[in-house]
Protein backbone atom coordinates (compact mmCIF):
# COMPACT_ATOMS: atom_id res chain seq x y z
CA MET A 1 -48.72 13.26 3.17
CA SER A 2 -48.83 9.60 2.11
CA THR A 3 -48.66 10.42 -1.60
CA SER A 4 -45.66 12.71 -1.11
CA ALA A 5 -43.88 9.89 0.76
CA LEU A 6 -44.43 7.37 -2.06
CA PRO A 7 -41.78 8.71 -4.51
CA THR A 8 -38.99 8.40 -1.90
CA PRO A 9 -38.46 4.61 -2.08
CA THR A 10 -39.27 4.23 -5.79
CA PRO A 11 -35.86 5.23 -7.21
CA THR A 12 -34.08 2.64 -5.05
CA PRO A 13 -35.05 -0.70 -6.72
CA PRO A 14 -34.01 0.21 -10.30
CA ARG A 15 -30.56 1.32 -9.15
CA ILE A 16 -29.41 -2.28 -8.73
CA PRO A 17 -31.09 -4.99 -10.83
CA GLU A 18 -32.55 -7.86 -8.80
CA ALA A 19 -30.32 -10.46 -10.52
CA VAL A 20 -27.21 -8.49 -9.51
CA HIS A 21 -28.53 -7.85 -6.00
CA ARG A 22 -29.05 -11.60 -5.41
CA ARG A 23 -25.45 -12.47 -6.23
CA ARG A 24 -23.85 -9.38 -4.65
CA TRP A 25 -21.96 -11.40 -2.00
CA ALA A 26 -20.56 -13.78 -4.63
CA ILE A 27 -19.47 -10.73 -6.64
CA LEU A 28 -17.78 -9.33 -3.53
CA GLY A 29 -15.89 -12.63 -3.21
CA VAL A 30 -14.58 -12.31 -6.79
CA LEU A 31 -13.60 -8.68 -6.21
CA MET A 32 -11.71 -9.71 -3.06
CA LEU A 33 -9.88 -12.43 -5.02
CA SER A 34 -8.78 -9.77 -7.53
CA LEU A 35 -7.74 -7.48 -4.70
CA LEU A 36 -5.99 -10.38 -3.00
CA ILE A 37 -3.35 -10.85 -5.70
CA VAL A 38 -2.54 -7.13 -5.85
CA VAL A 39 -1.94 -6.89 -2.08
CA LEU A 40 -0.61 -10.45 -1.83
CA ASP A 41 2.24 -9.58 -4.18
CA ASN A 42 3.65 -6.86 -1.94
CA SER A 43 3.23 -8.89 1.26
CA ILE A 44 4.96 -11.90 -0.35
CA LEU A 45 7.79 -9.67 -1.54
CA ASN A 46 8.33 -8.34 1.99
CA VAL A 47 9.44 -11.82 3.09
CA ALA A 48 11.49 -12.41 -0.07
CA ILE A 49 13.59 -9.22 -0.01
CA LYS A 50 16.35 -10.77 2.08
CA THR A 51 16.55 -13.77 -0.28
CA ILE A 52 16.63 -11.49 -3.34
CA SER A 53 19.46 -9.50 -1.73
CA THR A 54 21.52 -12.71 -1.38
CA PRO A 55 24.15 -13.16 -4.14
CA GLU A 56 23.48 -15.53 -7.04
CA PRO A 57 22.52 -18.34 -7.44
CA THR A 58 20.27 -18.07 -4.34
CA GLY A 59 19.11 -14.52 -5.13
CA LEU A 60 20.01 -11.60 -7.37
CA GLY A 61 22.49 -9.85 -5.07
CA ALA A 62 20.27 -6.74 -4.98
CA THR A 63 21.50 -3.80 -2.89
CA GLN A 64 19.20 -2.09 -0.38
CA SER A 65 18.49 0.77 -2.80
CA GLU A 66 17.67 -1.78 -5.56
CA LEU A 67 15.31 -3.56 -3.15
CA GLU A 68 13.59 -0.25 -2.41
CA TRP A 69 13.19 0.32 -6.16
CA ALA A 70 11.90 -3.23 -6.71
CA ILE A 71 9.08 -2.34 -4.32
CA ASN A 72 8.63 1.28 -5.40
CA SER A 73 8.72 0.74 -9.19
CA TYR A 74 5.49 -1.21 -8.71
CA THR A 75 4.06 1.30 -6.26
CA LEU A 76 4.86 4.44 -8.25
CA VAL A 77 3.46 3.16 -11.55
CA PHE A 78 0.44 1.90 -9.60
CA ALA A 79 -0.11 5.26 -7.88
CA GLY A 80 0.64 7.37 -10.95
CA LEU A 81 -1.88 5.58 -13.18
CA LEU A 82 -4.73 5.04 -10.71
CA PHE A 83 -6.54 8.25 -11.72
CA THR A 84 -6.37 7.38 -15.40
CA ALA A 85 -7.38 3.80 -14.64
CA GLY A 86 -10.41 5.05 -12.70
CA LEU A 87 -11.43 7.32 -15.58
CA LEU A 88 -10.96 4.55 -18.15
CA GLY A 89 -13.13 2.31 -15.99
CA ASP A 90 -15.79 5.04 -15.84
CA ARG A 91 -15.59 5.46 -19.64
CA LEU A 92 -15.06 1.93 -21.01
CA GLY A 93 -16.70 -0.12 -18.29
CA ARG A 94 -15.21 -1.24 -14.97
CA LYS A 95 -15.45 -4.95 -15.76
CA LYS A 96 -13.48 -4.60 -19.02
CA VAL A 97 -10.77 -2.54 -17.32
CA LEU A 98 -10.61 -4.97 -14.41
CA LEU A 99 -10.14 -7.94 -16.75
CA ALA A 100 -7.43 -6.14 -18.75
CA GLY A 101 -5.62 -5.18 -15.55
CA LEU A 102 -5.62 -8.76 -14.29
CA VAL A 103 -4.17 -10.06 -17.57
CA VAL A 104 -1.36 -7.46 -17.60
CA PHE A 105 -0.63 -8.18 -13.93
CA GLY A 106 -0.38 -11.90 -14.68
CA ILE A 107 2.02 -11.32 -17.60
CA GLY A 108 4.18 -9.01 -15.46
CA SER A 109 4.28 -11.63 -12.69
CA ALA A 110 5.47 -14.35 -15.08
CA LEU A 111 8.21 -12.05 -16.43
CA ALA A 112 9.32 -10.93 -12.95
CA ALA A 113 9.74 -14.60 -11.93
CA GLN A 114 12.32 -15.02 -14.71
CA SER A 115 14.32 -11.84 -13.97
CA GLY A 116 18.06 -12.28 -14.44
CA SER A 117 19.14 -9.09 -12.67
CA PRO A 118 17.83 -6.47 -10.21
CA VAL A 119 17.27 -4.06 -13.12
CA GLU A 120 15.03 -6.57 -14.92
CA LEU A 121 13.12 -7.22 -11.70
CA ILE A 122 12.54 -3.49 -11.23
CA ALA A 123 11.27 -3.17 -14.83
CA PHE A 124 8.90 -6.16 -14.65
CA ARG A 125 7.60 -5.01 -11.28
CA ALA A 126 6.64 -1.77 -13.03
CA VAL A 127 4.61 -3.85 -15.54
CA MET A 128 2.86 -5.52 -12.60
CA GLY A 129 2.12 -2.06 -11.20
CA LEU A 130 0.55 -1.10 -14.53
CA GLY A 131 -1.86 -4.02 -14.30
CA ALA A 132 -2.57 -3.48 -10.61
CA ALA A 133 -3.47 0.17 -11.27
CA PHE A 134 -6.46 -1.00 -13.31
CA VAL A 135 -7.51 -3.67 -10.79
CA MET A 136 -7.61 -1.88 -7.44
CA PRO A 137 -9.95 1.09 -8.16
CA ALA A 138 -12.26 -1.05 -10.28
CA THR A 139 -12.89 -3.50 -7.42
CA LEU A 140 -14.15 -0.77 -5.10
CA ALA A 141 -16.07 1.00 -7.87
CA VAL A 142 -17.91 -2.24 -8.79
CA LEU A 143 -18.63 -2.84 -5.09
CA MET A 144 -20.32 0.58 -4.85
CA HIS A 145 -22.56 -0.38 -7.80
CA VAL A 146 -23.74 -3.77 -6.55
CA PHE A 147 -24.51 -2.82 -2.91
CA GLU A 148 -27.18 -0.44 -1.70
CA ARG A 149 -25.97 2.50 0.36
CA GLU A 150 -27.02 0.98 3.69
CA GLU A 151 -24.95 -2.16 2.98
CA GLN A 152 -21.90 -0.32 1.66
CA PRO A 153 -20.13 0.17 5.04
CA LYS A 154 -20.43 -3.56 5.77
CA ALA A 155 -19.23 -4.51 2.27
CA ILE A 156 -16.32 -2.05 2.45
CA GLY A 157 -15.41 -3.49 5.87
CA ILE A 158 -15.26 -7.00 4.39
CA TRP A 159 -13.33 -5.62 1.39
CA ALA A 160 -10.83 -4.00 3.79
CA GLY A 161 -10.64 -7.31 5.66
CA GLY A 162 -9.52 -8.83 2.36
CA VAL A 163 -6.43 -6.63 2.60
CA GLY A 164 -5.78 -8.17 6.02
CA LEU A 165 -6.26 -11.65 4.56
CA ALA A 166 -3.69 -10.92 1.85
CA ILE A 167 -1.26 -9.56 4.44
CA ALA A 168 -1.75 -12.81 6.38
CA ILE A 169 -1.48 -15.21 3.45
CA GLY A 170 1.35 -13.36 1.67
CA PRO A 171 4.28 -13.79 4.08
CA ILE A 172 3.36 -17.41 4.90
CA THR A 173 2.91 -18.30 1.22
CA GLY A 174 6.18 -16.55 0.41
CA GLY A 175 7.95 -18.43 3.21
CA VAL A 176 6.66 -21.81 2.02
CA LEU A 177 7.65 -21.07 -1.58
CA LEU A 178 11.14 -19.86 -0.62
CA ASP A 179 11.67 -22.96 1.53
CA HIS A 180 10.95 -25.27 -1.44
CA PHE A 181 11.53 -23.28 -4.65
CA TRP A 182 13.65 -20.46 -6.10
CA TRP A 183 12.93 -16.80 -5.32
CA GLY A 184 11.00 -16.28 -8.59
CA SER A 185 8.21 -18.57 -7.36
CA VAL A 186 6.89 -15.70 -5.19
CA PHE A 187 5.85 -13.97 -8.42
CA LEU A 188 4.87 -17.03 -10.44
CA ILE A 189 2.23 -17.94 -7.81
CA ASN A 190 0.17 -14.95 -9.06
CA VAL A 191 -0.44 -16.52 -12.48
CA PRO A 192 -2.89 -19.32 -11.50
CA ILE A 193 -4.76 -16.92 -9.20
CA VAL A 194 -5.16 -14.50 -12.12
CA VAL A 195 -6.56 -17.29 -14.33
CA VAL A 196 -9.20 -18.22 -11.70
CA ALA A 197 -10.10 -14.57 -11.02
CA VAL A 198 -10.57 -13.81 -14.74
CA ALA A 199 -12.84 -16.84 -15.23
CA LEU A 200 -15.03 -15.92 -12.23
CA MET A 201 -15.09 -12.27 -13.26
CA ILE A 202 -16.43 -13.08 -16.74
CA TRP A 203 -19.12 -15.30 -15.22
CA LEU A 204 -20.37 -13.26 -12.25
CA VAL A 205 -19.46 -9.58 -12.32
CA PRO A 206 -21.74 -7.07 -14.09
CA ASP A 207 -20.30 -4.15 -16.03
CA SER A 208 -20.95 -0.53 -15.11
CA ARG A 209 -19.74 2.84 -16.28
CA ASP A 210 -20.18 6.55 -15.64
CA PRO A 211 -22.86 7.96 -18.01
CA LYS A 212 -20.82 11.20 -18.16
CA PRO A 213 -17.16 10.10 -18.04
CA GLY A 214 -14.36 12.63 -18.01
CA ARG A 215 -11.68 13.04 -20.68
CA ILE A 216 -8.31 11.40 -20.12
CA ASP A 217 -5.74 13.82 -18.69
CA LEU A 218 -2.45 12.65 -20.25
CA VAL A 219 -0.48 15.75 -19.20
CA GLY A 220 -1.59 15.31 -15.60
CA VAL A 221 -0.61 11.63 -15.63
CA VAL A 222 2.89 12.42 -16.95
CA LEU A 223 3.43 15.24 -14.43
CA SER A 224 2.29 13.13 -11.48
CA VAL A 225 4.43 10.10 -12.39
CA VAL A 226 7.54 12.19 -13.18
CA GLY A 227 7.16 14.23 -9.99
CA LEU A 228 6.73 11.19 -7.75
CA VAL A 229 9.61 9.26 -9.35
CA LEU A 230 12.02 12.20 -9.00
CA LEU A 231 11.00 12.83 -5.38
CA VAL A 232 11.30 9.19 -4.35
CA TYR A 233 14.55 8.77 -6.30
CA GLY A 234 16.07 11.72 -4.44
CA ILE A 235 15.01 10.33 -1.06
CA ILE A 236 16.33 6.82 -1.78
CA LYS A 237 19.58 8.21 -3.21
CA GLY A 238 20.06 10.29 -0.07
CA GLY A 239 19.81 7.15 2.07
CA GLN A 240 22.15 5.26 -0.25
CA LEU A 241 24.81 7.99 0.02
CA ALA A 242 24.00 8.73 3.70
CA ASP A 243 24.05 12.38 2.62
CA PHE A 244 20.83 14.30 1.97
CA THR A 245 22.76 17.50 1.19
CA ASP A 246 24.43 15.99 -1.87
CA PRO A 247 23.62 18.17 -4.94
CA ALA A 248 22.27 15.17 -6.90
CA VAL A 249 19.96 14.27 -4.00
CA LEU A 250 18.69 17.81 -3.45
CA GLY A 251 18.37 18.45 -7.18
CA THR A 252 16.18 15.43 -7.93
CA ALA A 253 14.06 15.68 -4.74
CA LEU A 254 13.40 19.41 -5.16
CA GLY A 255 12.85 18.90 -8.89
CA GLY A 256 10.23 16.26 -8.05
CA LEU A 257 8.48 18.63 -5.63
CA ALA A 258 8.49 21.37 -8.30
CA VAL A 259 6.90 19.03 -10.86
CA LEU A 260 4.24 17.99 -8.32
CA VAL A 261 3.45 21.66 -7.61
CA ALA A 262 3.13 22.19 -11.38
CA PHE A 263 0.81 19.16 -11.47
CA VAL A 264 -1.50 20.73 -8.85
CA PHE A 265 -1.61 24.08 -10.70
CA TYR A 266 -2.29 22.33 -14.01
CA GLU A 267 -5.10 20.26 -12.49
CA LYS A 268 -6.73 23.38 -11.02
CA ARG A 269 -6.87 25.00 -14.46
CA SER A 270 -7.73 21.93 -16.51
CA ASP A 271 -11.30 21.36 -17.69
CA HIS A 272 -10.74 17.57 -17.50
CA PRO A 273 -8.37 17.04 -14.53
CA SER A 274 -7.17 13.62 -13.37
CA VAL A 275 -7.65 14.88 -9.85
CA ASP A 276 -10.48 17.27 -9.10
CA VAL A 277 -8.66 19.33 -6.48
CA THR A 278 -11.97 20.87 -5.37
CA TYR A 279 -12.63 17.58 -3.53
CA PHE A 280 -9.90 18.59 -1.09
CA LYS A 281 -11.79 21.69 -0.03
CA ASN A 282 -13.87 19.25 2.01
CA LYS A 283 -11.84 18.98 5.23
CA VAL A 284 -13.40 15.64 6.16
CA PHE A 285 -12.46 14.13 2.80
CA SER A 286 -8.91 15.54 2.99
CA ALA A 287 -8.38 14.30 6.56
CA ALA A 288 -9.59 10.80 5.67
CA ILE A 289 -7.29 10.64 2.63
CA SER A 290 -4.35 11.88 4.72
CA ALA A 291 -5.01 9.28 7.42
CA ILE A 292 -4.85 6.44 4.86
CA ALA A 293 -1.60 7.79 3.40
CA LEU A 294 0.06 8.13 6.81
CA VAL A 295 -1.01 4.64 7.91
CA PHE A 296 0.57 3.08 4.82
CA PHE A 297 3.64 5.29 5.23
CA ALA A 298 4.19 3.70 8.63
CA LEU A 299 3.15 0.14 7.65
CA MET A 300 5.35 -0.19 4.54
CA GLY A 301 8.34 1.32 6.30
CA VAL A 302 7.95 -1.00 9.28
CA THR A 303 7.53 -4.20 7.28
CA PHE A 304 10.63 -3.28 5.27
CA PHE A 305 12.92 -3.18 8.31
CA ALA A 306 11.06 -5.85 10.32
CA VAL A 307 12.03 -8.53 7.77
CA PHE A 308 15.72 -7.75 8.22
CA TYR A 309 15.27 -7.78 12.00
CA THR A 310 13.65 -11.23 12.05
CA GLN A 311 15.85 -12.84 9.38
CA SER A 312 19.23 -11.10 9.58
CA VAL A 313 19.44 -10.31 13.31
CA ARG A 314 17.27 -13.06 14.81
CA GLY A 315 18.04 -15.76 12.23
CA TYR A 316 14.49 -16.83 11.38
CA SER A 317 13.71 -18.42 8.01
CA PRO A 318 11.38 -16.77 5.45
CA LEU A 319 8.55 -19.12 6.48
CA GLN A 320 9.07 -18.38 10.16
CA THR A 321 9.13 -14.68 9.36
CA GLY A 322 5.80 -15.05 7.54
CA LEU A 323 4.32 -16.77 10.58
CA LEU A 324 5.69 -14.06 12.87
CA MET A 325 3.81 -11.44 10.82
CA LEU A 326 0.55 -13.36 11.15
CA PRO A 327 -0.77 -11.40 14.18
CA LEU A 328 -0.64 -8.16 12.14
CA ALA A 329 -2.97 -9.68 9.55
CA VAL A 330 -5.18 -11.61 11.98
CA ALA A 331 -5.95 -8.40 13.87
CA GLN A 332 -7.05 -6.74 10.61
CA LEU A 333 -9.17 -9.75 9.68
CA ILE A 334 -10.89 -9.66 13.07
CA PHE A 335 -11.42 -5.92 13.48
CA ALA A 336 -11.74 -4.43 9.96
CA PRO A 337 -15.26 -5.83 9.31
CA ARG A 338 -16.35 -4.82 12.85
CA ALA A 339 -14.89 -1.32 12.87
CA ARG A 340 -18.17 0.13 11.55
CA LEU A 341 -19.88 -0.99 14.77
CA VAL A 342 -17.33 0.89 16.87
CA VAL A 343 -17.75 3.93 14.63
CA GLY A 344 -21.50 3.74 15.10
CA ARG A 345 -21.01 4.00 18.85
CA PHE A 346 -18.10 6.42 19.21
CA GLY A 347 -17.92 8.30 15.90
CA VAL A 348 -15.32 8.45 13.14
CA ARG A 349 -13.06 10.97 14.88
CA ALA A 350 -12.63 9.05 18.13
CA VAL A 351 -12.09 5.69 16.41
CA CYS A 352 -9.53 6.95 13.85
CA THR A 353 -7.66 9.07 16.38
CA GLY A 354 -7.48 6.11 18.75
CA GLY A 355 -6.33 3.85 15.90
CA LEU A 356 -3.50 6.21 14.92
CA LEU A 357 -2.38 6.65 18.53
CA LEU A 358 -2.27 2.85 18.86
CA VAL A 359 -0.17 2.63 15.66
CA MET A 360 2.11 5.32 17.10
CA ALA A 361 2.54 3.39 20.36
CA THR A 362 3.35 0.13 18.54
CA LEU A 363 5.93 1.86 16.34
CA ALA A 364 7.57 3.39 19.40
CA SER A 365 7.56 -0.10 20.97
CA PHE A 366 10.07 -1.29 18.36
CA THR A 367 12.69 0.60 20.37
CA ILE A 368 12.51 -2.07 23.11
CA LEU A 369 13.39 -4.87 20.68
CA ASP A 370 16.92 -6.21 20.92
CA ALA A 371 18.85 -9.22 19.61
CA ASP A 372 17.54 -11.43 22.44
CA THR A 373 14.12 -9.89 23.23
CA PRO A 374 11.45 -12.62 23.75
CA ILE A 375 9.79 -12.98 20.37
CA TRP A 376 6.27 -12.92 21.84
CA ILE A 377 6.76 -9.19 22.46
CA LEU A 378 7.10 -8.65 18.69
CA GLU A 379 3.91 -10.70 18.21
CA VAL A 380 1.98 -8.47 20.62
CA ILE A 381 3.30 -5.37 18.84
CA PHE A 382 2.19 -6.71 15.45
CA PHE A 383 -1.29 -7.63 16.75
CA LEU A 384 -1.85 -4.20 18.29
CA MET A 385 -0.56 -2.51 15.14
CA GLY A 386 -3.04 -4.48 13.01
CA THR A 387 -5.83 -3.57 15.44
CA GLY A 388 -5.01 0.13 15.12
CA MET A 389 -4.85 -0.06 11.33
CA ALA A 390 -8.22 -1.82 11.08
CA HIS A 391 -9.86 1.02 13.00
CA ILE A 392 -8.43 3.58 10.57
CA MET A 393 -8.76 1.90 7.17
CA THR A 394 -12.45 0.92 7.26
CA PRO A 395 -13.92 4.20 8.62
CA THR A 396 -11.81 6.41 6.35
CA SER A 397 -12.63 4.25 3.29
CA VAL A 398 -16.35 4.64 4.00
CA VAL A 399 -15.99 8.42 4.47
CA ILE A 400 -14.09 8.77 1.17
CA MET A 401 -16.37 6.55 -0.92
CA GLN A 402 -19.59 8.15 0.38
CA ALA A 403 -18.29 11.70 -0.04
CA LEU A 404 -18.71 11.56 -3.83
CA PRO A 405 -21.74 10.70 -5.99
CA ARG A 406 -22.27 7.04 -6.85
CA GLU A 407 -21.26 7.37 -10.52
CA LYS A 408 -17.91 8.85 -9.44
CA ALA A 409 -17.02 5.71 -7.46
CA GLY A 410 -14.02 5.04 -9.71
CA SER A 411 -12.57 8.49 -9.00
CA ALA A 412 -13.11 8.14 -5.24
CA SER A 413 -11.50 4.72 -5.24
CA ALA A 414 -8.58 5.97 -7.33
CA LEU A 415 -7.97 8.88 -4.96
CA SER A 416 -8.08 6.60 -1.92
CA ASN A 417 -5.72 4.06 -3.42
CA THR A 418 -3.37 6.65 -4.91
CA PHE A 419 -2.77 8.24 -1.52
CA ARG A 420 -2.43 4.78 0.01
CA GLN A 421 0.24 3.82 -2.53
CA VAL A 422 2.03 7.17 -2.45
CA GLY A 423 2.07 6.98 1.35
CA GLY A 424 3.52 3.46 1.14
CA ALA A 425 6.14 4.47 -1.45
CA LEU A 426 7.23 7.45 0.62
CA GLY A 427 7.26 5.25 3.74
CA ILE A 428 9.68 2.83 2.09
CA ALA A 429 11.76 5.67 0.63
CA VAL A 430 11.89 7.90 3.72
CA LEU A 431 12.07 5.26 6.46
CA GLY A 432 14.29 3.05 4.29
CA SER A 433 16.65 5.99 3.82
CA VAL A 434 16.61 6.81 7.54
CA LEU A 435 17.42 3.15 8.24
CA SER A 436 20.22 3.11 5.64
CA THR A 437 21.75 6.38 6.85
CA ALA A 438 21.64 5.45 10.54
CA TYR A 439 23.02 1.99 9.81
CA ARG A 440 25.94 3.28 7.72
CA LYS A 441 26.91 5.82 10.37
CA GLY A 442 26.82 3.10 13.03
CA VAL A 443 28.90 0.53 11.18
CA GLU A 444 31.36 2.65 9.18
CA ASP A 445 34.05 2.68 11.92
CA GLU A 446 34.14 -1.13 11.79
CA LEU A 447 34.76 -1.16 8.03
CA THR A 448 38.09 0.69 8.09
CA LEU A 449 40.01 -2.58 7.67
CA LEU A 450 38.34 -3.20 4.30
CA PRO A 451 39.72 -1.83 1.00
CA GLU A 452 38.41 1.66 0.37
CA GLY A 453 36.36 0.62 -2.65
CA ALA A 454 34.52 -2.09 -0.69
CA ARG A 455 33.60 0.07 2.32
CA HIS A 456 30.71 1.91 0.70
CA THR A 457 29.05 -1.27 -0.63
CA ALA A 458 29.60 -3.17 2.64
CA GLY A 459 28.01 -0.37 4.67
CA GLU A 460 24.85 0.00 2.58
CA SER A 461 22.82 -2.61 4.47
CA ILE A 462 23.14 -5.31 7.11
CA GLU A 463 23.00 -7.99 4.40
CA ALA A 464 25.91 -6.39 2.56
CA THR A 465 27.97 -6.25 5.78
CA LEU A 466 27.14 -9.85 6.69
CA GLY A 467 28.11 -10.94 3.17
CA VAL A 468 31.55 -9.36 3.61
CA ALA A 469 31.89 -10.87 7.09
CA ALA A 470 31.17 -14.36 5.72
CA LYS A 471 33.99 -13.98 3.19
CA LEU A 472 36.41 -12.97 5.95
CA GLY A 473 35.78 -16.16 7.94
CA PRO A 474 36.82 -16.04 11.62
CA ARG A 475 38.23 -12.52 11.13
CA GLY A 476 34.70 -11.33 10.28
CA GLU A 477 33.03 -12.38 13.54
CA HIS A 478 33.44 -8.96 15.14
CA LEU A 479 31.87 -7.48 12.00
CA VAL A 480 28.72 -9.60 12.52
CA THR A 481 28.31 -8.25 16.06
CA ALA A 482 28.87 -4.69 14.84
CA ALA A 483 26.36 -5.16 12.01
CA ASN A 484 23.67 -6.43 14.40
CA ASP A 485 24.26 -3.63 16.90
CA SER A 486 24.25 -0.96 14.18
CA PHE A 487 21.08 -2.35 12.61
CA LEU A 488 19.23 -2.43 15.95
CA HIS A 489 20.16 1.20 16.60
CA ALA A 490 19.08 2.14 13.05
CA MET A 491 15.78 0.26 13.49
CA HIS A 492 15.05 2.12 16.74
CA VAL A 493 15.72 5.49 15.09
CA THR A 494 13.54 4.57 12.09
CA ALA A 495 10.68 3.36 14.31
CA LEU A 496 10.65 6.68 16.17
CA TRP A 497 10.41 8.53 12.84
CA GLY A 498 7.42 6.37 11.95
CA ALA A 499 5.83 7.03 15.34
CA GLY A 500 6.22 10.77 14.76
CA VAL A 501 4.38 10.48 11.44
CA ALA A 502 1.54 8.58 13.17
CA VAL A 503 1.24 11.40 15.74
CA ILE A 504 0.82 13.92 12.91
CA GLY A 505 -1.93 11.71 11.48
CA ALA A 506 -3.69 11.51 14.85
CA VAL A 507 -3.72 15.32 15.14
CA VAL A 508 -5.11 15.70 11.60
CA VAL A 509 -8.01 13.28 12.09
CA PHE A 510 -8.82 14.64 15.56
CA LEU A 511 -9.11 18.16 14.19
CA PHE A 512 -11.00 17.47 10.97
CA LEU A 513 -12.92 14.17 11.02
CA PRO A 514 -16.52 14.33 12.29
CA GLY A 515 -17.58 13.06 15.69
CA ARG A 516 -20.26 10.95 14.01
CA VAL A 517 -20.67 9.51 10.50
CA PRO A 518 -21.33 12.56 8.28
CA GLN A 519 -24.90 12.93 7.10
CA GLU A 520 -24.21 15.48 4.37
CA PRO A 521 -23.44 12.96 1.58
CA GLU A 522 -27.09 11.75 1.68
CA PRO A 523 -28.50 14.63 -0.39
CA ARG A 524 -25.67 14.22 -2.93
CA GLU A 525 -26.51 10.55 -3.25
CA LYS A 526 -30.16 11.35 -3.86
CA GLU A 527 -29.22 13.90 -6.51
CA ALA A 528 -27.10 11.26 -8.23
CA GLU A 529 -29.80 8.55 -8.11
CA PRO A 530 -31.56 9.50 -11.37
CA VAL A 531 -28.20 9.24 -13.15
CA GLY A 532 -27.48 5.86 -11.58
CA ALA A 533 -30.98 4.65 -12.35
CA GLY A 534 -30.50 5.27 -16.01
CA HIS A 535 -27.88 2.56 -16.59
């Protein structure tokens, strides 16, 4: 009996060299710094979108649809290339790919800071998304290779807390920069962080790769990117026109769905797919992925309209807006690393279902916000929303990462982050379009005094309406009141849409996530150990 028990612990020590094991927490710190700039960029941009929508020389005069594309050009390139980035990391080495991604991200940031038009900003944001696509999956894949299985949930919890830290630092940093410098400084700030992260990465982080990497699926990459871009373009265009039955809107959106269906069929028949669709036969894995996507759908949509509420309706500065968003991030910082303890007591299903129901309740709570609602109510809503998110992100990330063998960590990370980014992109597109449509319908009767050519532009967003009102002087005062009232109504409608999406997520995780942490991945891990031990 004793001799048969001896081989069980022996494969464990060689899996992670002692020198790497000793500095694993320092490595985690470097990985979080790399993750920080990727998430930081979007959270900084959330505060800056109102400034960028202001006419030159203060901003670029971007319309609401251009703002949505400035966010989504980054997100769609990011999401579309994550699978390929994960495979390249598995093939070439995660450290090499991570370093290359950071450098490209830094170059894109420097170019975005110098953008002379919304179109240039959209293009350079896409370059940033290209770099970020190689950073995000590699951080989680490296984490899975420097921590033993029993420490992985704790490390992933801290990693997820890094997202909360970025969400906290981003809006405040963006507010400080916008108070003292031009709008491009919100992108230029990434460059020194990239330099520090690259130096620490070269010094501390070990390289790892999959001993049996897959082939690159170029056809799959093209189909996924084209399908997502067409779908999102159709949704955003529908909001811009306030007409989702327009032939151009229906044509592009349905065309995007058709391409995505073709992508799924191609992946099922490919011998080297970007996405192994057989993973989704596992209901637990599919439910966890869906929960992450739906959370980011709600979060990105909410932060998009919350900035206009605090700055345009309530009159807060970018820095004040950043501070107002702090409770959302603080809650994630507090609860994300501790969520594993709650899961240990109540199980994944109960914790994630409760988290999504809390997110749903906070989204619905936006309907009580008005032009003179005490601001502490918004703070409570943000804190509770962050609490709910923390109890979804950490458990689902652990479920996803432990569902696949260790050497497939890059693929698991890519899947998780792809659905996160696609959920966020669709959140901005769908909820942004709902907001735009509801706002235009609310304010259009007040724009009849304007020349016909100016009505459409003035009704696209609250910033556009307020810009016209400012030019009218005293005659535009009634337009300001109408713009605020229309925006508040549109925000309430949009928040209820988001709450409905969160309810769908709660039903999915309640039906399919396990009551306790699944034990079935353990045998898979043990099967994969000889492979991991060989490199």
